[in-house]
Each structure stands twice: as structure tokens, then as C-alpha cells.
Amino acid sequence: MQQKEFWPFLVFFVLLMSLLKWAPGKPWIVLVAVLGILYGWITKTWAASVAPVILADIYPVMRTSVQLADFSYWTPKKSIPVVNIMVGALKVSFVAVLETLISARIADNRTGTRFD
């Protein structure tokens, strides 16, 4: 087990759970996330021997080839049949309707009302 990744996780996890139990209803996750970012920056800058290993350390190519999306496969020579687009749109709309109904049911259970 990698100790230098486990112990900070355990400390931040216990801190978060303790804060949530001590003062519920506050956005403690934001505070713990900021503390985690500061921990990573401090250890990377001044204490490299205890710095946690991140994906960019394992895969250095990630530092140079960061892209939000790669659309190089999409060329004017390739076309998507309209039937495929329609089927995909129907699948997405079906899932959206189901999620809406589930959300309405949950809201009804919480408020004691009925949706129409």
C-alpha cells in the first residue's frame, strides 16, 4: 500500500466526517477540498519526498497534450446517418423523462404532495 497517498486521505476523510457530524448543514466539503489542494501544492513545492503521486507524474504526456476534446476523427469525408442521430436523441430523451419522473416522485415524498 502506498502510505504517502493513504495517510493524507485518511486525515482529510476523518476531518470531513467530523466536521459534518459536529456542524451539519455547512458546506464542509469545499473547505476540505481547498485544504487538499493546498496540501498537494505545498508538498509538491517544498516536500517532494512526501508529495502524493498524481496522474501527470505517471503519464507525463498529459502535461503537454491537454485538450478538452479531440475531434480529429470527424472529417468531412465521414457522415453520420440521420437514423443514428434520431435513435440517439430518442434514447437521451427517454432517460431524461425517466429522471424527471423519478425526481418528481422524490419531491412528492418529501413534500407530501402529488404531481400530475
Foldseek 3Di string as FASTA:
>chain_A
DPPLVPVVVVVLVVVQVVCCVVDNPDPVVVVSVVVVVVVQVCCVVPPVVSHDDDPCNVPVVCVVDPDPDDPVVDDPVDDDDPVVVVVVVVVVVVVVVVVVVVVQVVVCVVVVHHDD
